[in-house]
Amino acid sequence: MKKVLVVDDEQDFCRLVKRSLEAEGKFQVIMAIDGISALQLARKEKPDIILLDVMMPGMSGGEVAEALQESPATRTIPIIFVTAIVSDSELLENDGCIGSRMFIAKPVSVGELREKISIALDKK
């Protein structure tokens, strides 16, 4: 089973992703609702992949990603940014990436989420 860390200040979103991914029996999902707990969980749990909200109070997703990249213990964990600030059409034009980062637009479909996770894990 692959371990997924979902980081989003919207707890309902975290629970929905957890239920959807764990229903398949292929994923174990852990959740964090802020950047500080995300960093602590990433270091402790060593997830295979992180789904990271871009806009969160306190520490933004970008700041969390930067901190993860600075630590040798977490720098190789793939990150998929999940955001409402870009549209599906914008992402389609760029194969779901902005720069070297993979993004998924909210609202998220479970199928797309599984597909992006699979792609990111294959690149790892």
C-alpha atoms as a PDB file:
ATOM      1  CA  MET A   1       0.000   0.000   0.000  1.00  0.00           C
ATOM      2  CA  LYS A   2       1.163   3.490  -0.827  1.00  0.00           C
ATOM      3  CA  LYS A   3       1.022   6.115   1.904  1.00  0.00           C
ATOM      4  CA  VAL A   4      -0.557   9.437   0.894  1.00  0.00           C
ATOM      5  CA  LEU A   5      -0.354  12.607   2.984  1.00  0.00           C
ATOM      6  CA  VAL A   6      -3.265  14.950   2.242  1.00  0.00           C
ATOM      7  CA  VAL A   7      -2.680  18.535   3.398  1.00  0.00           C
ATOM      8  CA  ASP A   8      -5.657  20.894   3.224  1.00  0.00           C
ATOM      9  CA  ASP A   9      -7.255  23.297   5.691  1.00  0.00           C
ATOM     10  CA  GLU A  10     -10.679  22.052   4.530  1.00  0.00           C
ATOM     11  CA  GLN A  11     -11.216  18.981   6.721  1.00  0.00           C
ATOM     12  CA  ASP A  12     -14.183  17.812   4.631  1.00  0.00           C
ATOM     13  CA  PHE A  13     -11.929  17.687   1.563  1.00  0.00           C
ATOM     14  CA  CYS A  14      -9.333  15.657   3.483  1.00  0.00           C
ATOM     15  CA  ARG A  15     -11.966  13.177   4.676  1.00  0.00           C
ATOM     16  CA  LEU A  16     -13.433  12.827   1.165  1.00  0.00           C
ATOM     17  CA  VAL A  17     -10.020  12.099  -0.359  1.00  0.00           C
ATOM     18  CA  LYS A  18      -9.197   9.674   2.461  1.00  0.00           C
ATOM     19  CA  ARG A  19     -12.447   7.714   2.018  1.00  0.00           C
ATOM     20  CA  SER A  20     -12.159   7.662  -1.767  1.00  0.00           C
ATOM     21  CA  LEU A  21      -8.539   6.517  -1.923  1.00  0.00           C
ATOM     22  CA  GLU A  22      -8.714   4.022   0.930  1.00  0.00           C
ATOM     23  CA  ALA A  23     -11.850   2.394  -0.540  1.00  0.00           C
ATOM     24  CA  GLU A  24      -9.638   0.867  -3.244  1.00  0.00           C
ATOM     25  CA  GLY A  25      -7.386  -0.832  -0.729  1.00  0.00           C
ATOM     26  CA  LYS A  26      -4.257   0.501  -2.471  1.00  0.00           C
ATOM     27  CA  PHE A  27      -3.651   3.565  -0.315  1.00  0.00           C
ATOM     28  CA  GLN A  28      -3.224   4.476   3.314  1.00  0.00           C
ATOM     29  CA  VAL A  29      -4.130   8.136   3.770  1.00  0.00           C
ATOM     30  CA  ILE A  30      -2.929  10.411   6.563  1.00  0.00           C
ATOM     31  CA  MET A  31      -4.146  13.986   6.896  1.00  0.00           C
ATOM     32  CA  ALA A  32      -2.881  17.368   8.042  1.00  0.00           C
ATOM     33  CA  ILE A  33      -4.898  20.585   8.159  1.00  0.00           C
ATOM     34  CA  ASP A  34      -1.982  23.032   8.290  1.00  0.00           C
ATOM     35  CA  GLY A  35       1.586  23.404   7.125  1.00  0.00           C
ATOM     36  CA  ILE A  36       3.309  22.790  10.461  1.00  0.00           C
ATOM     37  CA  SER A  37       1.535  19.460  11.053  1.00  0.00           C
ATOM     38  CA  ALA A  38       2.182  18.537   7.404  1.00  0.00           C
ATOM     39  CA  LEU A  39       5.928  18.973   7.885  1.00  0.00           C
ATOM     40  CA  GLN A  40       5.884  16.975  11.123  1.00  0.00           C
ATOM     41  CA  LEU A  41       3.840  14.144   9.570  1.00  0.00           C
ATOM     42  CA  ALA A  42       6.000  14.057   6.437  1.00  0.00           C
ATOM     43  CA  ARG A  43       9.156  13.644   8.518  1.00  0.00           C
ATOM     44  CA  LYS A  44       7.603  11.060  10.839  1.00  0.00           C
ATOM     45  CA  GLU A  45       5.481   9.004   8.409  1.00  0.00           C
ATOM     46  CA  LYS A  46       7.601   9.249   5.211  1.00  0.00           C
ATOM     47  CA  PRO A  47       4.620   9.230   2.806  1.00  0.00           C
ATOM     48  CA  ASP A  48       5.067   8.020  -0.762  1.00  0.00           C
ATOM     49  CA  ILE A  49       3.329  11.149  -2.073  1.00  0.00           C
ATOM     50  CA  ILE A  50       1.864  14.406  -0.767  1.00  0.00           C
ATOM     51  CA  LEU A  51      -1.325  16.114  -1.985  1.00  0.00           C
ATOM     52  CA  LEU A  52      -0.826  19.726  -0.962  1.00  0.00           C
ATOM     53  CA  ASP A  53      -3.323  22.588  -0.966  1.00  0.00           C
ATOM     54  CA  VAL A  54      -1.824  25.811  -2.299  1.00  0.00           C
ATOM     55  CA  MET A  55      -3.775  28.323  -0.209  1.00  0.00           C
ATOM     56  CA  MET A  56      -3.805  27.675   3.534  1.00  0.00           C
ATOM     57  CA  PRO A  57      -3.731  30.019   6.518  1.00  0.00           C
ATOM     58  CA  GLY A  58      -0.385  30.425   8.222  1.00  0.00           C
ATOM     59  CA  MET A  59       1.942  28.531   5.934  1.00  0.00           C
ATOM     60  CA  SER A  60       1.072  28.343   2.232  1.00  0.00           C
ATOM     61  CA  GLY A  61       1.469  25.189   0.184  1.00  0.00           C
ATOM     62  CA  GLY A  62       4.440  26.788  -1.555  1.00  0.00           C
ATOM     63  CA  GLU A  63       6.162  27.408   1.785  1.00  0.00           C
ATOM     64  CA  VAL A  64       5.461  23.826   2.882  1.00  0.00           C
ATOM     65  CA  ALA A  65       6.871  22.472  -0.396  1.00  0.00           C
ATOM     66  CA  GLU A  66       9.968  24.642  -0.002  1.00  0.00           C
ATOM     67  CA  ALA A  67      10.546  23.355   3.542  1.00  0.00           C
ATOM     68  CA  LEU A  68      10.077  19.762   2.349  1.00  0.00           C
ATOM     69  CA  GLN A  69      12.620  20.314  -0.437  1.00  0.00           C
ATOM     70  CA  GLU A  70      15.187  21.676   2.025  1.00  0.00           C
ATOM     71  CA  SER A  71      15.139  18.553   4.195  1.00  0.00           C
ATOM     72  CA  PRO A  72      17.102  15.493   3.030  1.00  0.00           C
ATOM     73  CA  ALA A  73      14.474  13.300   4.742  1.00  0.00           C
ATOM     74  CA  THR A  74      11.590  14.658   2.634  1.00  0.00           C
ATOM     75  CA  ARG A  75      13.060  16.177  -0.542  1.00  0.00           C
ATOM     76  CA  THR A  76      12.383  13.123  -2.721  1.00  0.00           C
ATOM     77  CA  ILE A  77       8.678  12.837  -1.827  1.00  0.00           C
ATOM     78  CA  PRO A  78       6.589  13.782  -4.887  1.00  0.00           C
ATOM     79  CA  ILE A  79       4.117  16.621  -4.348  1.00  0.00           C
ATOM     80  CA  ILE A  80       0.900  17.255  -6.234  1.00  0.00           C
ATOM     81  CA  PHE A  81      -0.553  20.688  -5.589  1.00  0.00           C
ATOM     82  CA  VAL A  82      -4.339  20.802  -5.246  1.00  0.00           C
ATOM     83  CA  THR A  83      -5.864  24.211  -5.841  1.00  0.00           C
ATOM     84  CA  ALA A  84      -8.955  26.190  -6.700  1.00  0.00           C
ATOM     85  CA  ILE A  85      -6.897  29.053  -8.169  1.00  0.00           C
ATOM     86  CA  VAL A  86      -6.297  27.414 -11.549  1.00  0.00           C
ATOM     87  CA  SER A  87      -8.843  25.837 -13.835  1.00  0.00           C
ATOM     88  CA  ASP A  88      -8.886  22.429 -15.483  1.00  0.00           C
ATOM     89  CA  SER A  89      -8.542  24.097 -18.885  1.00  0.00           C
ATOM     90  CA  GLU A  90      -5.380  25.944 -17.810  1.00  0.00           C
ATOM     91  CA  LEU A  91      -3.898  22.678 -16.587  1.00  0.00           C
ATOM     92  CA  LEU A  92      -4.916  20.755 -19.711  1.00  0.00           C
ATOM     93  CA  GLU A  93      -2.856  23.163 -21.809  1.00  0.00           C
ATOM     94  CA  ASN A  94       0.228  22.244 -19.751  1.00  0.00           C
ATOM     95  CA  ASP A  95      -0.324  18.508 -19.124  1.00  0.00           C
ATOM     96  CA  GLY A  96      -1.355  19.241 -15.534  1.00  0.00           C
ATOM     97  CA  CYS A  97       1.894  21.000 -14.707  1.00  0.00           C
ATOM     98  CA  ILE A  98       2.928  24.540 -13.965  1.00  0.00           C
ATOM     99  CA  GLY A  99       6.677  24.747 -14.220  1.00  0.00           C
ATOM    100  CA  SER A 100       7.945  21.429 -12.913  1.00  0.00           C
ATOM    101  CA  ARG A 101       5.077  21.055 -10.426  1.00  0.00           C
ATOM    102  CA  MET A 102       2.035  18.842 -10.941  1.00  0.00           C
ATOM    103  CA  PHE A 103      -1.328  20.450 -10.141  1.00  0.00           C
ATOM    104  CA  ILE A 104      -4.927  19.282  -9.819  1.00  0.00           C
ATOM    105  CA  ALA A 105      -7.752  21.815  -9.942  1.00  0.00           C
ATOM    106  CA  LYS A 106     -10.537  21.720  -7.366  1.00  0.00           C
ATOM    107  CA  PRO A 107     -13.131  20.301  -7.399  1.00  0.00           C
ATOM    108  CA  VAL A 108     -11.153  17.083  -7.737  1.00  0.00           C
ATOM    109  CA  SER A 109     -12.464  13.922  -9.349  1.00  0.00           C
ATOM    110  CA  VAL A 110     -11.330  10.697  -7.733  1.00  0.00           C
ATOM    111  CA  GLY A 111     -10.377   9.238 -11.119  1.00  0.00           C
ATOM    112  CA  GLU A 112      -8.140  12.177 -11.957  1.00  0.00           C
ATOM    113  CA  LEU A 113      -6.627  12.054  -8.497  1.00  0.00           C
ATOM    114  CA  ARG A 114      -5.738   8.359  -8.854  1.00  0.00           C
ATOM    115  CA  GLU A 115      -4.302   8.984 -12.318  1.00  0.00           C
ATOM    116  CA  LYS A 116      -2.099  11.894 -11.170  1.00  0.00           C
ATOM    117  CA  ILE A 117      -0.893   9.931  -8.133  1.00  0.00           C
ATOM    118  CA  SER A 118       0.036   7.022 -10.393  1.00  0.00           C
ATOM    119  CA  ILE A 119       1.917   9.330 -12.793  1.00  0.00           C
ATOM    120  CA  ALA A 120       3.796  11.056  -9.960  1.00  0.00           C
ATOM    121  CA  LEU A 121       4.757   7.755  -8.326  1.00  0.00           C
ATOM    122  CA  ASP A 122       5.947   6.350 -11.654  1.00  0.00           C
ATOM    123  CA  LYS A 123       8.244   9.373 -12.106  1.00  0.00           C
ATOM    124  CA  LYS A 124       9.711   8.821  -8.662  1.00  0.00           C
END
